[in-house]
Amino acid sequence: MMRPRFFLPLAERERLLDRLLFICDARHFEDSEPLGMSWGWLTTQPEGKFLERKSCYDQTGRTPRPRPIKEVARDVAEALAAMANADGGTVVLGIEDDGTVSGVPDKYPETIWKQIQGLIRPQLNFRFVKIGLEGRRVWIFETDWSAEAHQLTDGRYLLRVGSQNLPFPAWDIEAMKRSRLERATYLAGQLDRP
């Protein structure tokens, strides 16, 4: 097998990739179309590998009640870690599974991103965007593919497969990431050829 001309050690490749990511770039938008963006697709796009909607409300009783913030933060952290271990994705808080905008309760602190960060090891880079949709607060968390395998503080490694966050062995996730980095490095080397 021919070795690519452009080769970086794994640690250096990971460091370069990490520099490209943002960490919790918190932006706040009051209307539904900030900077010309329409967020309506969040209610119509089916959940899948790259999108998960999370409710802030317990719907089991007669009237919906806000779920405990720690429970919601754990759910978001699980989805973000699983997506980062796969190909990245978006978690939307304040929209029900059927696409109904229920919103984020006023009592939820905007510092939820700190709680989420505290539930994932190593620290995960993600974006946190606050928008208004149908007159309600909706929070969006986005992550890209990560060069590192991320686990939850309870020790679980999750991988996004379809619309599910499945337990997956750490060594398999690390092998997939290593393979992807090697392919990217090889392709980058091919671009450098005369």
N, C-alpha and C. Protein backbone atom coordinates (compact mmCIF):
# COMPACT_ATOMS: atom_id res chain seq x y z
N MET A 1 0.84 -1.18 0.00
CA MET A 1 0.00 0.00 0.00
C MET A 1 0.88 1.24 0.00
N MET A 2 0.54 2.19 -0.83
CA MET A 2 1.32 3.42 -0.93
C MET A 2 1.00 4.36 0.22
N ARG A 3 2.01 4.87 0.89
CA ARG A 3 1.82 5.79 2.01
C ARG A 3 1.59 7.20 1.46
N PRO A 4 0.59 7.91 1.97
CA PRO A 4 0.34 9.27 1.49
C PRO A 4 1.53 10.19 1.79
N ARG A 5 1.73 11.17 0.91
CA ARG A 5 2.82 12.12 1.09
C ARG A 5 2.56 13.03 2.28
N PHE A 6 1.30 13.32 2.53
CA PHE A 6 0.92 14.21 3.63
C PHE A 6 0.49 13.34 4.80
N PHE A 7 1.29 13.28 5.85
CA PHE A 7 0.95 12.43 6.98
C PHE A 7 1.19 13.20 8.28
N LEU A 8 0.20 13.19 9.15
CA LEU A 8 0.33 13.79 10.48
C LEU A 8 0.03 12.73 11.52
N PRO A 9 0.74 12.74 12.63
CA PRO A 9 0.40 11.81 13.71
C PRO A 9 -1.04 12.05 14.18
N LEU A 10 -1.66 11.01 14.71
CA LEU A 10 -3.05 11.07 15.14
C LEU A 10 -3.30 12.24 16.10
N ALA A 11 -2.46 12.44 17.06
CA ALA A 11 -2.66 13.52 18.04
C ALA A 11 -2.68 14.88 17.34
N GLU A 12 -1.81 15.07 16.37
CA GLU A 12 -1.77 16.35 15.65
C GLU A 12 -3.02 16.54 14.78
N ARG A 13 -3.49 15.45 14.13
CA ARG A 13 -4.71 15.55 13.32
C ARG A 13 -5.90 15.92 14.20
N GLU A 14 -6.00 15.29 15.38
CA GLU A 14 -7.11 15.59 16.28
C GLU A 14 -7.04 17.04 16.75
N ARG A 15 -5.83 17.52 17.05
CA ARG A 15 -5.67 18.91 17.50
C ARG A 15 -6.11 19.88 16.39
N LEU A 16 -5.77 19.58 15.15
CA LEU A 16 -6.17 20.44 14.03
C LEU A 16 -7.69 20.43 13.85
N LEU A 17 -8.29 19.25 13.95
CA LEU A 17 -9.75 19.17 13.80
C LEU A 17 -10.46 19.92 14.92
N ASP A 18 -9.94 19.80 16.14
CA ASP A 18 -10.57 20.48 17.27
C ASP A 18 -10.54 21.99 17.10
N ARG A 19 -9.49 22.51 16.48
CA ARG A 19 -9.41 23.96 16.27
C ARG A 19 -10.49 24.45 15.33
N LEU A 20 -10.94 23.56 14.45
CA LEU A 20 -11.96 23.95 13.47
C LEU A 20 -13.36 24.04 14.06
N LEU A 21 -13.54 23.44 15.23
CA LEU A 21 -14.86 23.41 15.85
C LEU A 21 -15.06 24.59 16.79
N PHE A 22 -16.30 24.97 16.99
CA PHE A 22 -16.63 26.02 17.94
C PHE A 22 -17.08 25.36 19.24
N ILE A 23 -16.86 26.02 20.34
CA ILE A 23 -17.36 25.50 21.60
C ILE A 23 -18.47 26.42 22.11
N CYS A 24 -19.65 25.87 22.10
CA CYS A 24 -20.82 26.58 22.64
C CYS A 24 -20.91 28.02 22.15
N ASP A 25 -21.03 28.19 20.86
CA ASP A 25 -21.17 29.51 20.27
C ASP A 25 -22.62 29.94 20.48
N ALA A 26 -22.91 30.53 21.65
CA ALA A 26 -24.29 30.85 22.02
C ALA A 26 -24.75 32.11 21.30
N ARG A 27 -25.78 31.95 20.51
CA ARG A 27 -26.37 33.08 19.80
C ARG A 27 -27.86 33.12 20.15
N HIS A 28 -28.43 34.30 20.15
CA HIS A 28 -29.82 34.43 20.55
C HIS A 28 -30.60 35.13 19.44
N PHE A 29 -31.71 34.51 19.02
CA PHE A 29 -32.55 35.08 17.98
C PHE A 29 -33.98 35.15 18.50
N GLU A 30 -34.60 36.30 18.38
CA GLU A 30 -35.96 36.48 18.88
C GLU A 30 -37.02 36.06 17.87
N ASP A 31 -36.75 36.22 16.60
CA ASP A 31 -37.77 35.91 15.61
C ASP A 31 -37.49 34.56 14.96
N SER A 32 -38.39 34.14 14.10
CA SER A 32 -38.26 32.81 13.52
C SER A 32 -37.34 32.78 12.32
N GLU A 33 -36.93 33.91 11.80
CA GLU A 33 -36.07 33.91 10.63
C GLU A 33 -34.87 34.83 10.80
N PRO A 34 -33.98 34.52 11.76
CA PRO A 34 -32.80 35.35 11.94
C PRO A 34 -31.85 35.20 10.76
N LEU A 35 -31.27 36.30 10.38
CA LEU A 35 -30.27 36.30 9.32
C LEU A 35 -30.76 35.58 8.07
N GLY A 36 -32.07 35.69 7.79
CA GLY A 36 -32.63 35.06 6.61
C GLY A 36 -32.84 33.56 6.74
N MET A 37 -32.64 32.99 7.92
CA MET A 37 -32.81 31.55 8.09
C MET A 37 -34.24 31.24 8.50
N SER A 38 -34.79 30.20 7.93
CA SER A 38 -36.10 29.73 8.33
C SER A 38 -35.93 28.47 9.16
N TRP A 39 -36.54 28.43 10.32
CA TRP A 39 -36.39 27.30 11.23
C TRP A 39 -37.60 26.36 11.17
N GLY A 40 -38.55 26.63 10.30
CA GLY A 40 -39.75 25.81 10.20
C GLY A 40 -39.47 24.35 9.90
N TRP A 41 -38.38 24.08 9.21
CA TRP A 41 -38.04 22.70 8.87
C TRP A 41 -37.85 21.82 10.11
N LEU A 42 -37.55 22.45 11.25
CA LEU A 42 -37.36 21.68 12.48
C LEU A 42 -38.64 20.96 12.91
N THR A 43 -39.79 21.47 12.50
CA THR A 43 -41.06 20.86 12.88
C THR A 43 -41.54 19.83 11.86
N THR A 44 -41.03 19.88 10.63
CA THR A 44 -41.53 18.99 9.57
C THR A 44 -40.54 17.88 9.20
N GLN A 45 -39.26 18.13 9.36
CA GLN A 45 -38.25 17.12 9.01
C GLN A 45 -38.39 15.92 9.94
N PRO A 46 -38.42 14.70 9.40
CA PRO A 46 -38.52 13.54 10.29
C PRO A 46 -37.24 13.37 11.12
N GLU A 47 -37.42 12.87 12.34
CA GLU A 47 -36.25 12.58 13.16
C GLU A 47 -35.47 11.44 12.50
N GLY A 48 -34.16 11.50 12.66
CA GLY A 48 -33.32 10.48 12.05
C GLY A 48 -31.90 10.60 12.54
N LYS A 49 -30.98 10.20 11.70
CA LYS A 49 -29.57 10.17 12.07
C LYS A 49 -29.05 11.55 12.48
N PHE A 50 -29.54 12.62 11.85
CA PHE A 50 -29.00 13.95 12.07
C PHE A 50 -29.93 14.90 12.83
N LEU A 51 -31.11 14.45 13.22
CA LEU A 51 -32.07 15.33 13.91
C LEU A 51 -32.79 14.56 15.00
N GLU A 52 -32.84 15.18 16.18
CA GLU A 52 -33.64 14.64 17.28
C GLU A 52 -34.33 15.80 17.98
N ARG A 53 -35.64 15.64 18.21
CA ARG A 53 -36.41 16.63 18.95
C ARG A 53 -36.62 16.12 20.37
N LYS A 54 -36.53 17.03 21.35
CA LYS A 54 -36.71 16.68 22.75
C LYS A 54 -37.77 17.58 23.37
N SER A 55 -38.68 16.97 24.08
CA SER A 55 -39.72 17.71 24.78
C SER A 55 -39.21 18.11 26.17
N CYS A 56 -39.67 19.24 26.62
CA CYS A 56 -39.36 19.70 27.98
C CYS A 56 -40.49 19.36 28.93
N TYR A 57 -41.53 18.71 28.43
CA TYR A 57 -42.73 18.48 29.23
C TYR A 57 -43.03 17.00 29.39
N ASP A 58 -43.51 16.66 30.58
CA ASP A 58 -44.02 15.33 30.87
C ASP A 58 -45.48 15.33 30.44
N GLN A 59 -45.83 14.51 29.46
CA GLN A 59 -47.19 14.50 28.90
C GLN A 59 -48.07 13.41 29.50
N THR A 60 -47.62 12.73 30.57
CA THR A 60 -48.36 11.59 31.09
C THR A 60 -49.60 11.97 31.89
N GLY A 61 -49.63 13.13 32.48
CA GLY A 61 -50.78 13.54 33.29
C GLY A 61 -51.84 14.25 32.46
N ARG A 62 -52.82 14.81 33.16
CA ARG A 62 -53.88 15.56 32.48
C ARG A 62 -53.35 16.82 31.82
N THR A 63 -52.45 17.49 32.54
CA THR A 63 -51.85 18.70 31.98
C THR A 63 -50.33 18.49 31.92
N PRO A 64 -49.72 18.94 30.85
CA PRO A 64 -48.26 18.79 30.73
C PRO A 64 -47.53 19.55 31.85
N ARG A 65 -46.51 18.92 32.40
CA ARG A 65 -45.69 19.55 33.44
C ARG A 65 -44.24 19.59 32.96
N PRO A 66 -43.53 20.67 33.30
CA PRO A 66 -42.11 20.73 32.92
C PRO A 66 -41.34 19.57 33.56
N ARG A 67 -40.50 18.93 32.74
CA ARG A 67 -39.64 17.85 33.23
C ARG A 67 -38.50 18.46 34.04
N PRO A 68 -37.91 17.70 34.96
CA PRO A 68 -36.74 18.21 35.70
C PRO A 68 -35.60 18.56 34.74
N ILE A 69 -34.95 19.69 34.97
CA ILE A 69 -33.90 20.17 34.08
C ILE A 69 -32.75 19.17 33.97
N LYS A 70 -32.42 18.47 35.06
CA LYS A 70 -31.33 17.49 35.00
C LYS A 70 -31.67 16.34 34.05
N GLU A 71 -32.92 15.94 34.03
CA GLU A 71 -33.37 14.86 33.14
C GLU A 71 -33.28 15.31 31.68
N VAL A 72 -33.70 16.53 31.42
CA VAL A 72 -33.65 17.08 30.06
C VAL A 72 -32.20 17.23 29.61
N ALA A 73 -31.34 17.75 30.48
CA ALA A 73 -29.91 17.92 30.15
C ALA A 73 -29.28 16.56 29.84
N ARG A 74 -29.64 15.53 30.61
CA ARG A 74 -29.11 14.19 30.36
C ARG A 74 -29.55 13.67 28.99
N ASP A 75 -30.82 13.88 28.64
CA ASP A 75 -31.32 13.44 27.33
C ASP A 75 -30.59 14.13 26.18
N VAL A 76 -30.38 15.44 26.32
CA VAL A 76 -29.67 16.18 25.28
C VAL A 76 -28.22 15.71 25.19
N ALA A 77 -27.57 15.51 26.34
CA ALA A 77 -26.18 15.04 26.36
C ALA A 77 -26.05 13.68 25.68
N GLU A 78 -26.99 12.78 25.94
CA GLU A 78 -26.96 11.46 25.30
C GLU A 78 -27.02 11.58 23.79
N ALA A 79 -27.95 12.39 23.30
CA ALA A 79 -28.10 12.55 21.85
C ALA A 79 -26.87 13.22 21.23
N LEU A 80 -26.34 14.27 21.89
CA LEU A 80 -25.17 14.96 21.34
C LEU A 80 -23.95 14.04 21.31
N ALA A 81 -23.72 13.28 22.37
CA ALA A 81 -22.57 12.37 22.40
C ALA A 81 -22.71 11.30 21.31
N ALA A 82 -23.90 10.74 21.17
CA ALA A 82 -24.13 9.72 20.14
C ALA A 82 -23.92 10.29 18.74
N MET A 83 -24.39 11.52 18.50
CA MET A 83 -24.23 12.15 17.19
C MET A 83 -22.77 12.48 16.91
N ALA A 84 -22.05 12.98 17.92
CA ALA A 84 -20.63 13.29 17.74
C ALA A 84 -19.82 12.02 17.47
N ASN A 85 -20.25 10.91 18.04
CA ASN A 85 -19.56 9.65 17.78
C ASN A 85 -19.90 9.08 16.41
N ALA A 86 -20.96 9.59 15.79
CA ALA A 86 -21.34 9.15 14.44
C ALA A 86 -20.90 10.24 13.45
N ASP A 87 -21.86 10.98 12.91
CA ASP A 87 -21.56 11.98 11.88
C ASP A 87 -22.00 13.39 12.24
N GLY A 88 -22.32 13.63 13.53
CA GLY A 88 -22.80 14.95 13.93
C GLY A 88 -24.31 15.02 13.81
N GLY A 89 -24.88 16.15 14.24
CA GLY A 89 -26.32 16.30 14.13
C GLY A 89 -26.85 17.44 14.98
N THR A 90 -28.17 17.53 15.03
CA THR A 90 -28.88 18.62 15.69
C THR A 90 -29.89 18.06 16.67
N VAL A 91 -29.88 18.59 17.89
CA VAL A 91 -30.87 18.25 18.91
C VAL A 91 -31.67 19.52 19.18
N VAL A 92 -32.98 19.42 19.06
CA VAL A 92 -33.86 20.58 19.24
C VAL A 92 -34.67 20.39 20.51
N LEU A 93 -34.58 21.33 21.40
CA LEU A 93 -35.29 21.28 22.67
C LEU A 93 -36.47 22.23 22.60
N GLY A 94 -37.67 21.71 22.87
CA GLY A 94 -38.87 22.53 22.85
C GLY A 94 -39.81 22.20 21.71
N ILE A 95 -39.54 21.10 21.02
CA ILE A 95 -40.43 20.62 19.96
C ILE A 95 -40.71 19.15 20.23
N GLU A 96 -41.98 18.79 20.21
CA GLU A 96 -42.39 17.40 20.47
C GLU A 96 -42.00 16.51 19.29
N ASP A 97 -42.03 15.20 19.52
CA ASP A 97 -41.68 14.25 18.47
C ASP A 97 -42.55 14.41 17.22
N ASP A 98 -43.81 14.82 17.40
CA ASP A 98 -44.71 14.98 16.25
C ASP A 98 -44.54 16.33 15.55
N GLY A 99 -43.61 17.17 16.02
CA GLY A 99 -43.35 18.46 15.38
C GLY A 99 -44.08 19.62 16.02
N THR A 100 -44.90 19.38 17.03
CA THR A 100 -45.61 20.45 17.73
C THR A 100 -44.63 21.26 18.57
N VAL A 101 -44.67 22.58 18.42
CA VAL A 101 -43.78 23.45 19.19
C VAL A 101 -44.40 23.66 20.57
N SER A 102 -43.77 23.08 21.59
CA SER A 102 -44.25 23.23 22.97
C SER A 102 -43.42 24.25 23.73
N GLY A 103 -42.22 24.52 23.25
CA GLY A 103 -41.37 25.54 23.85
C GLY A 103 -40.55 25.05 25.03
N VAL A 104 -39.62 25.89 25.44
CA VAL A 104 -38.78 25.65 26.60
C VAL A 104 -39.36 26.46 27.76
N PRO A 105 -39.64 25.84 28.91
CA PRO A 105 -40.22 26.58 30.04
C PRO A 105 -39.32 27.74 30.48
N ASP A 106 -39.94 28.81 30.93
CA ASP A 106 -39.19 29.98 31.38
C ASP A 106 -38.26 29.65 32.55
N LYS A 107 -38.63 28.66 33.36
CA LYS A 107 -37.81 28.34 34.52
C LYS A 107 -36.50 27.64 34.17
N TYR A 108 -36.35 27.18 32.91
CA TYR A 108 -35.11 26.51 32.51
C TYR A 108 -34.02 27.56 32.32
N PRO A 109 -32.88 27.38 32.97
CA PRO A 109 -31.80 28.37 32.82
C PRO A 109 -31.09 28.22 31.48
N GLU A 110 -30.65 29.36 30.96
CA GLU A 110 -29.93 29.33 29.68
C GLU A 110 -28.54 28.72 29.85
N THR A 111 -28.13 28.46 31.08
CA THR A 111 -26.83 27.84 31.33
C THR A 111 -26.91 26.31 31.24
N ILE A 112 -27.98 25.80 30.66
CA ILE A 112 -28.12 24.35 30.51
C ILE A 112 -26.93 23.76 29.76
N TRP A 113 -26.34 24.54 28.86
CA TRP A 113 -25.21 24.02 28.09
C TRP A 113 -24.06 23.62 29.00
N LYS A 114 -23.92 24.30 30.15
CA LYS A 114 -22.86 23.93 31.09
C LYS A 114 -23.15 22.57 31.72
N GLN A 115 -24.42 22.33 32.03
CA GLN A 115 -24.80 21.04 32.58
C GLN A 115 -24.55 19.92 31.57
N ILE A 116 -24.87 20.20 30.31
CA ILE A 116 -24.66 19.21 29.25
C ILE A 116 -23.18 18.92 29.09
N GLN A 117 -22.36 19.96 29.08
CA GLN A 117 -20.91 19.76 28.97
C GLN A 117 -20.38 18.91 30.11
N GLY A 118 -20.93 19.09 31.29
CA GLY A 118 -20.48 18.34 32.45
C GLY A 118 -20.85 16.87 32.42
N LEU A 119 -21.72 16.47 31.49
CA LEU A 119 -22.16 15.08 31.39
C LEU A 119 -21.42 14.28 30.33
N ILE A 120 -20.53 14.93 29.58
CA ILE A 120 -19.84 14.27 28.46
C ILE A 120 -18.33 14.38 28.65
N ARG A 121 -17.62 13.26 28.44
CA ARG A 121 -16.16 13.22 28.52
C ARG A 121 -15.59 12.61 27.26
N PRO A 122 -14.50 13.08 26.69
CA PRO A 122 -13.93 14.40 26.96
C PRO A 122 -14.92 15.48 26.52
N GLN A 123 -14.61 16.71 26.90
CA GLN A 123 -15.51 17.82 26.60
C GLN A 123 -15.88 17.83 25.13
N LEU A 124 -17.15 18.00 24.85
CA LEU A 124 -17.66 18.00 23.48
C LEU A 124 -17.87 19.42 22.99
N ASN A 125 -17.42 19.68 21.79
CA ASN A 125 -17.65 20.98 21.17
C ASN A 125 -19.04 20.97 20.52
N PHE A 126 -19.86 21.94 20.85
CA PHE A 126 -21.18 22.06 20.22
C PHE A 126 -21.60 23.52 20.20
N ARG A 127 -22.59 23.79 19.34
CA ARG A 127 -23.16 25.13 19.25
C ARG A 127 -24.52 25.13 19.96
N PHE A 128 -24.85 26.23 20.60
CA PHE A 128 -26.11 26.39 21.31
C PHE A 128 -26.76 27.65 20.77
N VAL A 129 -27.92 27.49 20.12
CA VAL A 129 -28.62 28.61 19.51
C VAL A 129 -30.01 28.70 20.12
N LYS A 130 -30.39 29.90 20.53
CA LYS A 130 -31.72 30.14 21.10
C LYS A 130 -32.55 30.89 20.07
N ILE A 131 -33.72 30.35 19.73
CA ILE A 131 -34.58 31.00 18.75
C ILE A 131 -35.99 31.11 19.30
N GLY A 132 -36.81 31.88 18.60
CA GLY A 132 -38.24 31.92 18.85
C GLY A 132 -38.93 31.26 17.68
N LEU A 133 -39.86 30.36 17.95
CA LEU A 133 -40.59 29.66 16.90
C LEU A 133 -42.04 29.54 17.34
N GLU A 134 -42.94 30.05 16.51
CA GLU A 134 -44.37 30.06 16.82
C GLU A 134 -44.62 30.72 18.18
N GLY A 135 -43.86 31.76 18.49
CA GLY A 135 -44.04 32.52 19.71
C GLY A 135 -43.51 31.85 20.97
N ARG A 136 -42.74 30.79 20.82
CA ARG A 136 -42.20 30.07 21.97
C ARG A 136 -40.68 29.96 21.87
N ARG A 137 -40.04 29.78 23.06
CA ARG A 137 -38.58 29.60 23.08
C ARG A 137 -38.24 28.18 22.63
N VAL A 138 -37.26 28.07 21.74
CA VAL A 138 -36.75 26.78 21.28
C VAL A 138 -35.23 26.88 21.31
N TRP A 139 -34.59 25.83 21.81
CA TRP A 139 -33.13 25.82 21.89
C TRP A 139 -32.59 24.73 20.98
N ILE A 140 -31.55 25.09 20.24
CA ILE A 140 -30.95 24.18 19.27
C ILE A 140 -29.50 23.90 19.69
N PHE A 141 -29.15 22.63 19.70
CA PHE A 141 -27.79 22.19 20.01
C PHE A 141 -27.28 21.46 18.77
N GLU A 142 -26.14 21.90 18.26
CA GLU A 142 -25.56 21.27 17.07
C GLU A 142 -24.15 20.80 17.35
N THR A 143 -23.82 19.62 16.88
CA THR A 143 -22.46 19.13 16.99
C THR A 143 -22.02 18.56 15.65
N ASP A 144 -20.74 18.64 15.40
CA ASP A 144 -20.15 18.05 14.22
C ASP A 144 -19.58 16.70 14.60
N TRP A 145 -19.13 15.97 13.62
CA TRP A 145 -18.38 14.74 13.87
C TRP A 145 -17.16 15.12 14.69
N SER A 146 -16.81 14.31 15.64
CA SER A 146 -15.66 14.58 16.49
C SER A 146 -14.59 13.53 16.26
N ALA A 147 -13.34 13.94 16.32
CA ALA A 147 -12.22 13.00 16.15
C ALA A 147 -12.06 12.10 17.37
N GLU A 148 -12.66 12.47 18.49
CA GLU A 148 -12.54 11.69 19.72
C GLU A 148 -13.83 10.91 19.98
N ALA A 149 -13.69 9.79 20.65
CA ALA A 149 -14.87 9.04 21.11
C ALA A 149 -15.33 9.67 22.42
N HIS A 150 -16.60 10.02 22.49
CA HIS A 150 -17.14 10.68 23.67
C HIS A 150 -18.01 9.70 24.46
N GLN A 151 -17.91 9.80 25.78
CA GLN A 151 -18.72 8.97 26.65
C GLN A 151 -19.45 9.84 27.65
N LEU A 152 -20.51 9.29 28.19
CA LEU A 152 -21.26 9.98 29.23
C LEU A 152 -20.57 9.73 30.56
N THR A 153 -20.82 10.59 31.52
CA THR A 153 -20.16 10.45 32.83
C THR A 153 -20.59 9.17 33.55
N ASP A 154 -21.67 8.54 33.12
CA ASP A 154 -22.06 7.25 33.71
C ASP A 154 -21.30 6.09 33.07
N GLY A 155 -20.37 6.39 32.15
CA GLY A 155 -19.51 5.37 31.55
C GLY A 155 -19.98 4.84 30.21
N ARG A 156 -21.18 5.19 29.79
CA ARG A 156 -21.69 4.66 28.52
C ARG A 156 -21.13 5.41 27.31
N TYR A 157 -20.87 4.65 26.24
CA TYR A 157 -20.56 5.20 24.92
C TYR A 157 -21.79 4.94 24.06
N LEU A 158 -22.26 5.97 23.37
CA LEU A 158 -23.43 5.83 22.51
C LEU A 158 -23.07 6.19 21.08
N LEU A 159 -23.77 5.58 20.12
CA LEU A 159 -23.57 5.87 18.70
C LEU A 159 -24.94 6.10 18.08
N ARG A 160 -25.06 7.13 17.28
CA ARG A 160 -26.32 7.43 16.60
C ARG A 160 -26.47 6.50 15.41
N VAL A 161 -27.51 5.66 15.45
CA VAL A 161 -27.82 4.74 14.36
C VAL A 161 -29.27 4.98 14.01
N GLY A 162 -29.51 5.53 12.82
CA GLY A 162 -30.88 5.90 12.44
C GLY A 162 -31.36 6.98 13.39
N SER A 163 -32.50 6.74 14.03
CA SER A 163 -33.04 7.73 14.98
C SER A 163 -32.83 7.30 16.43
N GLN A 164 -31.90 6.37 16.65
CA GLN A 164 -31.66 5.86 18.01
C GLN A 164 -30.24 6.15 18.47
N ASN A 165 -30.08 6.29 19.78
CA ASN A 165 -28.78 6.42 20.41
C ASN A 165 -28.49 5.07 21.07
N LEU A 166 -27.62 4.28 20.44
CA LEU A 166 -27.40 2.91 20.89
C LEU A 166 -26.09 2.77 21.64
N PRO A 167 -26.06 1.94 22.69
CA PRO A 167 -24.79 1.64 23.37
C PRO A 167 -23.85 0.96 22.37
N PHE A 168 -22.58 1.34 22.41
CA PHE A 168 -21.62 0.82 21.44
C PHE A 168 -20.27 0.73 22.12
N PRO A 169 -19.48 -0.31 21.84
CA PRO A 169 -18.17 -0.43 22.48
C PRO A 169 -17.24 0.72 22.09
N ALA A 170 -16.51 1.22 23.06
CA ALA A 170 -15.60 2.35 22.83
C ALA A 170 -14.58 2.02 21.75
N TRP A 171 -14.02 0.80 21.77
CA TRP A 171 -12.96 0.47 20.82
C TRP A 171 -13.48 0.46 19.38
N ASP A 172 -14.76 0.09 19.18
CA ASP A 172 -15.33 0.13 17.83
C ASP A 172 -15.52 1.57 17.35
N ILE A 173 -15.98 2.43 18.24
CA ILE A 173 -16.13 3.85 17.88
C ILE A 173 -14.76 4.43 17.55
N GLU A 174 -13.76 4.13 18.38
CA GLU A 174 -12.42 4.66 18.13
C GLU A 174 -11.84 4.12 16.83
N ALA A 175 -12.10 2.87 16.49
CA ALA A 175 -11.61 2.29 15.23
C ALA A 175 -12.26 2.98 14.04
N MET A 176 -13.58 3.26 14.13
CA MET A 176 -14.26 3.97 13.03
C MET A 176 -13.68 5.38 12.85
N LYS A 177 -13.43 6.06 13.95
CA LYS A 177 -12.89 7.42 13.88
C LYS A 177 -11.46 7.40 13.32
N ARG A 178 -10.66 6.44 13.74
CA ARG A 178 -9.29 6.32 13.25
C ARG A 178 -9.30 6.08 11.73
N SER A 179 -10.17 5.21 11.28
CA SER A 179 -10.29 4.92 9.86
C SER A 179 -10.71 6.17 9.08
N ARG A 180 -11.64 6.91 9.63
CA ARG A 180 -12.10 8.13 8.95
C ARG A 180 -10.98 9.17 8.87
N LEU A 181 -10.22 9.33 9.95
CA LEU A 181 -9.10 10.27 9.94
C LEU A 181 -8.03 9.85 8.93
N GLU A 182 -7.75 8.55 8.86
CA GLU A 182 -6.76 8.07 7.91
C GLU A 182 -7.20 8.32 6.47
N ARG A 183 -8.49 8.10 6.17
CA ARG A 183 -9.00 8.38 4.83
C ARG A 183 -8.90 9.86 4.51
N ALA A 184 -9.25 10.71 5.49
CA ALA A 184 -9.19 12.16 5.27
C ALA A 184 -7.75 12.60 5.04
N THR A 185 -6.82 12.05 5.79
CA THR A 185 -5.41 12.40 5.63
C THR A 185 -4.90 11.93 4.27
N TYR A 186 -5.31 10.73 3.87
CA TYR A 186 -4.90 10.21 2.57
C TYR A 186 -5.43 11.09 1.45
N LEU A 187 -6.71 11.45 1.53
CA LEU A 187 -7.31 12.30 0.49
C LEU A 187 -6.67 13.68 0.45
N ALA A 188 -6.34 14.22 1.62
CA ALA A 188 -5.66 15.51 1.65
C ALA A 188 -4.31 15.41 0.98
N GLY A 189 -3.62 14.29 1.17
CA GLY A 189 -2.34 14.06 0.52
C GLY A 189 -2.47 13.97 -0.99
N GLN A 190 -3.57 13.39 -1.45
CA GLN A 190 -3.81 13.27 -2.89
C GLN A 190 -4.02 14.65 -3.51
N LEU A 191 -4.61 15.56 -2.75
CA LEU A 191 -4.83 16.92 -3.27
C LEU A 191 -3.53 17.69 -3.40
N ASP A 192 -2.54 17.33 -2.59
CA ASP A 192 -1.24 18.00 -2.63
C ASP A 192 -0.38 17.56 -3.78
N ARG A 193 -0.75 16.48 -4.45
CA ARG A 193 0.05 15.96 -5.56
C ARG A 193 0.04 16.92 -6.74
N PRO A 194 1.17 16.98 -7.46
CA PRO A 194 1.20 17.83 -8.66
C PRO A 194 0.40 17.24 -9.79
